[in-house]
């Protein structure tokens, strides 16, 4: 049963979506009219609600995390779900993992890490800009994930407090400058993921990675194409989100074959 304080997604027959945090005695204004939130209280997810002058029908659904991040307050470009999901798997993030997230921004990827590591793990988020730090903190609180994250208002040029972490995501404008600090923070066998918007950044990062004991180095670009779900006229949508970023992954080892220094 839906109660006050719950988040609900109203899904229209035309695919339109409205996210509401239910407050007793309040109304939510939309382009179709006002939603009386009292009409939501006591209903079950999957039920219908009718509102507006034309009494349009909307399904009442629980919002997914993708719904929440695309409707959150943000001042930065977020990591798209097609990349975020792959990052989670490539960094082998799981319940109990300890993860460093650098360049937290609006908090979308930090929240994705927190949902996976759960109460047994921890996400350590580093953000140098106070306005982004405050926004990320508010978003994590809205998602109920702040207990799983330790946010730090600090530039990573000062280094990391943590060592022996399982995974680290480096998402800053000049990632090649911090490869050594990342290696020091990871445990042996730990995974690093690096966000690179341009190919020249990828080249700079690769050169630095090969200076240190990292192996299993990979570069990826993820492309996904959505199709129109019409069984009579199945075809792709005319437009797609194509390039979003380049993803570089590597694994820390303590020494490399071929005389590479341990340090």
Protein backbone atom coordinates (compact mmCIF):
# COMPACT_ATOMS: atom_id res chain seq x y z
CA UNK A 1 0.00 0.00 0.00
CA UNK A 2 1.25 3.48 -0.85
CA UNK A 3 1.90 5.67 2.18
CA UNK A 4 2.89 9.25 2.80
CA UNK A 5 6.56 9.79 1.94
CA UNK A 6 6.64 7.10 -0.76
CA UNK A 7 7.89 7.95 -4.23
CA UNK A 8 5.56 6.98 -7.06
CA UNK A 9 5.83 7.06 -10.82
CA UNK A 10 2.68 7.94 -12.74
CA UNK A 11 2.94 6.32 -16.16
CA UNK A 12 0.58 7.49 -18.92
CA UNK A 13 -0.65 5.51 -21.89
CA UNK A 14 1.43 7.77 -24.13
CA UNK A 15 4.60 6.87 -22.21
CA UNK A 16 4.73 10.13 -20.23
CA UNK A 17 6.14 9.88 -16.71
CA UNK A 18 5.54 11.96 -13.59
CA UNK A 19 7.43 11.29 -10.34
CA UNK A 20 5.80 12.33 -7.08
CA UNK A 21 6.80 12.13 -3.43
CA UNK A 22 3.46 11.57 -1.69
CA UNK A 23 2.48 14.22 0.85
CA UNK A 24 -0.84 14.09 2.64
CA UNK A 25 -3.13 17.01 1.85
CA UNK A 26 -0.95 18.26 -1.05
CA UNK A 27 -1.50 18.50 -4.79
CA UNK A 28 1.02 18.09 -7.59
CA UNK A 29 0.67 20.38 -10.60
CA UNK A 30 1.25 18.81 -14.03
CA UNK A 31 0.65 19.82 -17.65
CA UNK A 32 -2.57 17.78 -17.50
CA UNK A 33 -3.89 19.17 -14.25
CA UNK A 34 -3.41 18.65 -10.53
CA UNK A 35 -2.86 15.27 -8.88
CA UNK A 36 -4.51 15.02 -5.46
CA UNK A 37 -1.93 13.10 -3.44
CA UNK A 38 -4.55 11.88 -1.00
CA UNK A 39 -5.95 9.82 -3.88
CA UNK A 40 -2.66 7.92 -4.03
CA UNK A 41 -2.50 7.00 -0.34
CA UNK A 42 -3.82 3.49 0.25
CA UNK A 43 -3.59 2.39 -3.36
CA UNK A 44 -1.32 -0.42 -4.55
CA UNK A 45 1.44 -0.19 -7.13
CA UNK A 46 0.05 -1.28 -10.47
CA UNK A 47 -3.31 0.41 -9.84
CA UNK A 48 -4.71 3.37 -11.80
CA UNK A 49 -5.34 7.00 -10.92
CA UNK A 50 -7.43 9.48 -12.95
CA UNK A 51 -6.87 13.23 -12.85
CA UNK A 52 -7.12 16.41 -14.89
CA UNK A 53 -10.04 17.92 -16.77
CA UNK A 54 -10.17 14.96 -19.16
CA UNK A 55 -9.63 12.47 -16.34
CA UNK A 56 -6.71 10.80 -18.03
CA UNK A 57 -5.59 7.44 -16.67
CA UNK A 58 -2.11 6.89 -15.27
CA UNK A 59 -0.59 3.69 -13.88
CA UNK A 60 0.88 3.97 -10.39
CA UNK A 61 4.33 2.37 -10.36
CA UNK A 62 7.44 2.39 -8.15
CA UNK A 63 10.11 4.53 -9.87
CA UNK A 64 13.29 2.76 -10.92
CA UNK A 65 16.72 4.17 -10.14
CA UNK A 66 17.01 5.19 -13.80
CA UNK A 67 13.77 7.18 -13.43
CA UNK A 68 15.14 8.89 -10.35
CA UNK A 69 18.51 9.88 -11.78
CA UNK A 70 17.00 11.28 -14.97
CA UNK A 71 14.61 13.36 -12.87
CA UNK A 72 17.07 14.43 -10.19
CA UNK A 73 18.50 17.91 -9.76
CA UNK A 74 21.85 17.95 -11.54
CA UNK A 75 24.45 20.44 -12.61
CA UNK A 76 26.82 18.03 -14.29
CA UNK A 77 26.71 15.46 -17.07
CA UNK A 78 25.83 12.08 -15.57
CA UNK A 79 27.24 8.70 -16.53
CA UNK A 80 24.56 7.10 -18.70
CA UNK A 81 22.94 3.85 -17.50
CA UNK A 82 24.42 1.94 -20.44
CA UNK A 83 27.87 2.86 -19.16
CA UNK A 84 27.08 2.77 -15.43
CA UNK A 85 25.83 -0.82 -15.56
CA UNK A 86 28.94 -1.96 -17.43
CA UNK A 87 31.18 -0.13 -14.95
CA UNK A 88 29.54 -1.98 -12.06
CA UNK A 89 30.23 -5.34 -13.67
CA UNK A 90 33.74 -4.55 -14.91
CA UNK A 91 34.79 -3.26 -11.48
CA UNK A 92 33.19 -6.36 -9.92
CA UNK A 93 31.27 -4.25 -7.39
CA UNK A 94 29.11 -6.38 -5.11
CA UNK A 95 27.57 -6.33 -1.61
CA UNK A 96 30.34 -5.60 0.88
CA UNK A 97 32.71 -3.95 -1.61
CA UNK A 98 34.66 -0.84 -0.71
CA UNK A 99 34.73 1.60 -3.62
CA UNK A 100 36.26 5.04 -4.23
CA UNK A 101 34.28 7.32 -6.54
CA UNK A 102 36.15 10.43 -7.67
CA UNK A 103 34.48 13.45 -9.23
CA UNK A 104 31.11 12.68 -7.65
CA UNK A 105 29.30 15.48 -9.51
CA UNK A 106 25.55 15.20 -8.98
CA UNK A 107 25.88 11.75 -7.39
CA UNK A 108 24.32 9.42 -9.98
CA UNK A 109 27.22 6.93 -10.23
CA UNK A 110 27.90 7.25 -6.52
CA UNK A 111 24.29 6.24 -5.90
CA UNK A 112 24.61 3.29 -8.27
CA UNK A 113 27.65 2.05 -6.34
CA UNK A 114 25.84 2.54 -3.02
CA UNK A 115 22.81 0.51 -4.13
CA UNK A 116 25.10 -2.44 -4.86
CA UNK A 117 27.57 -2.38 -1.95
CA UNK A 118 24.74 -2.07 0.59
CA UNK A 119 25.17 -1.79 4.33
CA UNK A 120 28.04 -4.31 4.35
CA UNK A 121 30.18 -2.13 2.06
CA UNK A 122 31.13 1.51 1.66
CA UNK A 123 31.50 4.10 -1.07
CA UNK A 124 34.03 6.87 -0.51
CA UNK A 125 33.13 9.83 -2.68
CA UNK A 126 35.62 12.63 -3.44
CA UNK A 127 34.39 15.94 -4.85
CA UNK A 128 36.39 19.16 -4.95
CA UNK A 129 33.55 21.59 -5.71
CA UNK A 130 31.35 22.51 -2.76
CA UNK A 131 28.23 23.14 -4.88
CA UNK A 132 28.50 19.68 -6.45
CA UNK A 133 29.26 18.13 -3.06
CA UNK A 134 26.11 19.66 -1.54
CA UNK A 135 23.96 18.61 -4.49
CA UNK A 136 25.25 15.03 -4.45
CA UNK A 137 24.64 14.82 -0.71
CA UNK A 138 21.05 15.98 -1.15
CA UNK A 139 20.40 13.54 -4.00
CA UNK A 140 21.82 10.61 -2.02
CA UNK A 141 19.60 11.55 0.92
CA UNK A 142 16.54 11.68 -1.36
CA UNK A 143 17.36 8.19 -2.62
CA UNK A 144 17.90 6.83 0.90
CA UNK A 145 21.52 5.90 0.12
CA UNK A 146 23.51 8.40 2.20
CA UNK A 147 24.27 5.84 4.94
CA UNK A 148 26.29 3.79 2.46
CA UNK A 149 28.42 6.72 1.26
CA UNK A 150 31.12 8.80 2.94
CA UNK A 151 31.36 12.04 0.97
CA UNK A 152 34.51 14.13 1.16
CA UNK A 153 34.91 17.70 -0.01
CA UNK A 154 38.47 17.40 -1.22
CA UNK A 155 40.64 17.49 -4.30
CA UNK A 156 42.19 14.08 -5.03
CA UNK A 157 45.53 15.77 -5.71
CA UNK A 158 45.88 15.50 -1.91
CA UNK A 159 45.62 11.73 -2.19
CA UNK A 160 43.13 9.24 -0.77
CA UNK A 161 42.56 8.37 2.89
CA UNK A 162 41.72 4.76 2.00
CA UNK A 163 43.95 1.87 1.00
CA UNK A 164 43.20 -1.69 -0.07
CA UNK A 165 39.86 -0.77 -1.65
CA UNK A 166 38.25 -3.20 -4.05
CA UNK A 167 37.52 -0.76 -6.86
CA UNK A 168 38.02 2.84 -7.90
CA UNK A 169 36.33 5.01 -10.52
CA UNK A 170 38.36 7.96 -11.79
CA UNK A 171 36.11 10.59 -13.36
CA UNK A 172 38.04 13.87 -13.42
CA UNK A 173 39.17 16.22 -16.23
CA UNK A 174 42.84 15.12 -16.07
CA UNK A 175 42.83 11.44 -15.06
CA UNK A 176 46.37 10.70 -16.25
CA UNK A 177 47.71 12.85 -13.38
CA UNK A 178 46.30 10.55 -10.69
CA UNK A 179 47.12 7.01 -11.85
CA UNK A 180 49.84 6.55 -9.22
CA UNK A 181 47.53 7.66 -6.38
CA UNK A 182 44.86 5.27 -7.63
CA UNK A 183 47.33 2.37 -7.72
CA UNK A 184 48.30 3.13 -4.11
CA UNK A 185 44.65 3.14 -2.96
CA UNK A 186 43.71 -0.19 -4.57
CA UNK A 187 44.30 -3.61 -3.11
CA UNK A 188 46.18 -6.23 -5.09
CA UNK A 189 43.78 -7.47 -7.77
CA UNK A 190 41.62 -4.36 -7.33
CA UNK A 191 39.92 -2.84 -10.35
CA UNK A 192 40.14 0.68 -11.74
CA UNK A 193 37.75 2.31 -14.19
CA UNK A 194 38.57 5.60 -15.89
CA UNK A 195 36.16 7.93 -17.70
CA UNK A 196 37.66 9.55 -20.81
CA UNK A 197 35.47 11.75 -23.04
CA UNK A 198 38.09 12.03 -25.82
CA UNK A 199 40.56 9.74 -27.57
CA UNK A 200 43.59 11.85 -26.70
CA UNK A 201 42.68 11.43 -23.02
CA UNK A 202 42.54 7.67 -23.54
CA UNK A 203 46.04 7.74 -25.03
CA UNK A 204 47.41 9.77 -22.12
CA UNK A 205 45.78 7.42 -19.60
CA UNK A 206 47.13 4.30 -21.34
CA UNK A 207 50.66 5.66 -21.27
CA UNK A 208 50.40 6.24 -17.51
CA UNK A 209 48.78 2.88 -16.81
CA UNK A 210 51.65 1.05 -18.48
CA UNK A 211 54.10 2.93 -16.24
CA UNK A 212 52.68 1.11 -13.20
CA UNK A 213 51.83 -2.47 -12.30
CA UNK A 214 48.44 -2.67 -14.01
CA UNK A 215 47.37 -5.54 -16.22
CA UNK A 216 44.27 -6.60 -18.18
CA UNK A 217 43.97 -3.10 -19.67
CA UNK A 218 40.88 -2.59 -21.84
CA UNK A 219 39.25 0.33 -23.67
CA UNK A 220 35.52 0.25 -24.38
CA UNK A 221 32.85 2.36 -26.02
CA UNK A 222 29.28 1.20 -25.41
CA UNK A 223 26.57 1.74 -28.03
CA UNK A 224 22.93 0.78 -27.49
CA UNK A 225 20.04 1.11 -29.92
CA UNK A 226 16.43 1.13 -28.81
CA UNK A 227 13.65 -0.38 -30.93
CA UNK A 228 10.00 0.65 -31.25
CA UNK A 229 8.01 -2.13 -29.50
CA UNK A 230 5.39 -2.50 -32.22
CA UNK A 231 5.05 -6.16 -33.34
CA UNK A 232 3.62 -5.10 -36.71
CA UNK A 233 6.33 -2.51 -37.49
CA UNK A 234 9.37 -3.46 -35.44
CA UNK A 235 12.21 -1.07 -36.21
CA UNK A 236 14.79 1.09 -34.41
CA UNK A 237 14.01 4.57 -33.18
CA UNK A 238 15.22 7.22 -35.61
CA UNK A 239 17.52 8.76 -33.00
CA UNK A 240 19.82 7.25 -30.43
CA UNK A 241 22.29 8.26 -27.75
CA UNK A 242 25.47 7.10 -29.46
CA UNK A 243 28.87 8.09 -28.08
CA UNK A 244 28.80 9.08 -24.42
CA UNK A 245 32.33 8.35 -23.21
CA UNK A 246 35.29 6.00 -23.47
CA UNK A 247 35.81 3.57 -20.61
CA UNK A 248 39.27 2.35 -19.63
CA UNK A 249 39.62 -0.57 -17.23
CA UNK A 250 42.65 -2.21 -15.60
CA UNK A 251 43.61 -4.46 -12.69
CA UNK A 252 46.26 -3.69 -10.08
CA UNK A 253 49.06 -6.20 -9.51
CA UNK A 254 52.00 -5.93 -7.13
CA UNK A 255 54.63 -6.46 -9.81
CA UNK A 256 54.69 -7.05 -13.54
CA UNK A 257 56.57 -9.65 -15.51
CA UNK A 258 59.51 -8.08 -17.27
CA UNK A 259 61.30 -6.20 -14.52
CA UNK A 260 58.72 -3.54 -13.73
CA UNK A 261 59.28 -2.00 -10.29
CA UNK A 262 57.09 -3.10 -7.39
CA UNK A 263 56.68 0.50 -6.27
